Amino acid sequence: MDTNQINTNQTKKVAQMVSQAEIFQSVSYAAVKARANRLEQGAIIRIGWHEFVIDEDDADVNVQMIKSRGEVEGLAAAKAFELGVDLKSMAECQRSQWIGAFFNELRDILQKWHQIKVGQGPGGDLSFEKAAYRKDLGR
């Protein structure tokens, strides 16, 4: 197996591990809480150390969390280290490529398996958003 294939498998495994972290479980819990309480735009939910804002788009009421890119990279580095990948020992170019591949995998996994959309937040931060309920249901 060539090195690129190993790195692809490693980034995918790390993304899978990170997607199961408490930070992303709290997104789903916040969506359930928002749905149960029929919270409206602008409301704030606190789950553990995480804070969510209720937002709306054309069809849905969503929960949204903003986290620093560095915080998510830290989770990735810790999980990668568990798999024997030391990001600190990589050359900067290689590390940047690995992190980029990781974020692509994480975005895909969160969307497919958790229905969490990943976007750019303010100042290079990341936003994580999950639909809590459809606007046309039960109002």
Protein backbone atom coordinates (compact mmCIF):
# COMPACT_ATOMS: atom_id res chain seq x y z
CA MET A 1 0.00 0.00 0.00
CA ASP A 2 1.41 3.40 -0.87
CA THR A 3 1.88 6.21 1.64
CA ASN A 4 -0.97 8.35 0.25
CA GLN A 5 -3.43 5.49 0.72
CA ILE A 6 -2.28 4.98 4.32
CA ASN A 7 -2.69 8.71 5.02
CA THR A 8 -6.17 8.70 3.46
CA ASN A 9 -7.19 5.77 5.65
CA GLN A 10 -5.68 7.44 8.71
CA THR A 11 -7.44 10.75 8.13
CA LYS A 12 -10.74 8.94 7.56
CA LYS A 13 -10.33 6.92 10.79
CA VAL A 14 -9.39 10.05 12.76
CA ALA A 15 -12.41 11.91 11.32
CA GLN A 16 -14.66 9.01 12.34
CA MET A 17 -13.23 9.09 15.87
CA VAL A 18 -13.58 12.87 16.17
CA SER A 19 -17.16 12.76 14.86
CA GLN A 20 -18.05 10.65 17.91
CA ALA A 21 -16.60 13.20 20.35
CA GLU A 22 -18.77 14.83 23.00
CA ILE A 23 -18.66 18.14 21.13
CA PHE A 24 -20.70 16.67 18.25
CA GLN A 25 -22.97 14.59 20.45
CA SER A 26 -23.94 17.85 22.14
CA VAL A 27 -25.10 19.26 18.77
CA SER A 28 -27.64 16.45 18.45
CA TYR A 29 -28.73 16.87 22.06
CA ALA A 30 -29.19 20.63 21.54
CA ALA A 31 -31.37 19.94 18.47
CA VAL A 32 -33.57 17.61 20.52
CA LYS A 33 -33.82 20.19 23.30
CA ALA A 34 -34.69 22.96 20.82
CA ARG A 35 -37.34 20.77 19.18
CA ALA A 36 -38.87 19.70 22.50
CA ASN A 37 -39.09 23.29 23.74
CA ARG A 38 -39.97 24.81 20.34
CA LEU A 39 -37.25 27.39 20.83
CA GLU A 40 -37.19 30.25 18.36
CA GLN A 41 -34.51 32.26 16.62
CA GLY A 42 -32.08 33.97 18.96
CA ALA A 43 -32.59 31.62 21.91
CA ILE A 44 -29.43 30.21 23.50
CA ILE A 45 -28.94 26.65 24.74
CA ARG A 46 -26.04 25.56 26.92
CA ILE A 47 -25.02 21.90 26.92
CA GLY A 48 -22.00 21.28 29.13
CA TRP A 49 -19.25 23.64 27.97
CA HIS A 50 -20.94 24.27 24.65
CA GLU A 51 -23.27 27.10 23.70
CA PHE A 52 -25.74 26.99 20.83
CA VAL A 53 -27.77 29.70 19.16
CA ILE A 54 -31.12 28.98 17.55
CA ASP A 55 -31.19 30.19 13.97
CA GLU A 56 -33.64 29.87 11.08
CA ASP A 57 -33.36 29.39 7.37
CA ASP A 58 -36.18 29.19 4.81
CA ALA A 59 -37.47 25.80 5.97
CA ASP A 60 -35.87 24.85 9.30
CA VAL A 61 -35.13 26.02 12.80
CA ASN A 62 -31.51 25.07 13.48
CA VAL A 63 -29.06 24.87 16.35
CA GLN A 64 -25.69 26.41 15.60
CA MET A 65 -22.39 26.23 17.45
CA ILE A 66 -19.22 28.15 16.61
CA LYS A 67 -15.89 26.57 17.57
CA SER A 68 -12.34 27.59 16.85
CA ARG A 69 -10.61 25.69 14.11
CA GLY A 70 -7.75 25.13 16.57
CA GLU A 71 -10.02 23.34 19.03
CA VAL A 72 -11.13 20.85 16.38
CA GLU A 73 -7.55 20.46 15.14
CA GLY A 74 -6.55 19.67 18.74
CA LEU A 75 -9.14 16.88 18.87
CA ALA A 76 -7.81 15.57 15.55
CA ALA A 77 -4.20 15.66 16.76
CA ALA A 78 -5.09 13.74 19.94
CA LYS A 79 -7.02 11.06 18.03
CA ALA A 80 -4.30 10.83 15.36
CA PHE A 81 -1.69 10.34 18.08
CA GLU A 82 -3.77 7.44 19.46
CA LEU A 83 -3.39 5.85 16.00
CA GLY A 84 0.36 6.48 15.92
CA VAL A 85 0.29 9.62 13.78
CA ASP A 86 2.23 12.50 15.30
CA LEU A 87 1.16 15.69 13.56
CA LYS A 88 3.80 17.70 15.45
CA SER A 89 6.59 15.73 13.80
CA MET A 90 5.27 16.33 10.27
CA ALA A 91 6.69 18.97 7.98
CA GLU A 92 4.38 22.00 7.82
CA CYS A 93 3.37 21.26 4.22
CA GLN A 94 2.54 17.62 5.03
CA ARG A 95 0.69 18.64 8.20
CA SER A 96 -1.41 21.20 6.27
CA GLN A 97 -2.34 18.58 3.68
CA TRP A 98 -3.23 16.08 6.42
CA ILE A 99 -5.39 18.63 8.27
CA GLY A 100 -7.12 19.63 5.02
CA ALA A 101 -7.92 15.99 4.23
CA PHE A 102 -9.12 15.48 7.81
CA PHE A 103 -11.55 18.43 7.64
CA ASN A 104 -12.93 17.19 4.30
CA GLU A 105 -13.53 13.75 5.80
CA LEU A 106 -15.03 15.19 9.00
CA ARG A 107 -17.41 17.44 7.03
CA ASP A 108 -18.61 14.47 4.97
CA ILE A 109 -19.04 12.17 7.98
CA LEU A 110 -20.89 14.78 10.06
CA GLN A 111 -23.24 15.54 7.18
CA LYS A 112 -23.91 11.91 6.24
CA TRP A 113 -24.21 10.27 9.66
CA HIS A 114 -25.17 13.13 12.01
CA GLN A 115 -26.91 15.58 9.63
CA ILE A 116 -24.57 18.31 10.90
CA LYS A 117 -23.51 20.93 8.38
CA VAL A 118 -20.01 22.33 8.74
CA GLY A 119 -19.34 25.86 7.55
CA GLN A 120 -17.01 28.80 7.93
CA GLY A 121 -17.71 30.83 11.01
CA PRO A 122 -16.43 34.31 11.83
CA GLY A 123 -12.68 34.88 11.80
CA GLY A 124 -11.79 31.47 10.40
CA ASP A 125 -13.74 29.63 13.07
CA LEU A 126 -16.03 26.74 12.19
CA SER A 127 -19.81 26.62 12.46
CA PHE A 128 -21.70 23.41 13.12
CA GLU A 129 -25.41 23.46 12.38
CA LYS A 130 -28.16 20.87 12.72
CA ALA A 131 -31.86 21.21 11.92
CA ALA A 132 -33.99 20.99 15.06
CA TYR A 133 -37.39 21.06 13.38
CA ARG A 134 -39.23 22.23 10.27
CA LYS A 135 -40.79 25.67 10.60
CA ASP A 136 -44.11 24.51 9.16
CA LEU A 137 -44.59 21.76 11.76
CA GLY A 138 -46.60 22.43 14.87
CA ARG A 139 -46.56 26.21 15.10
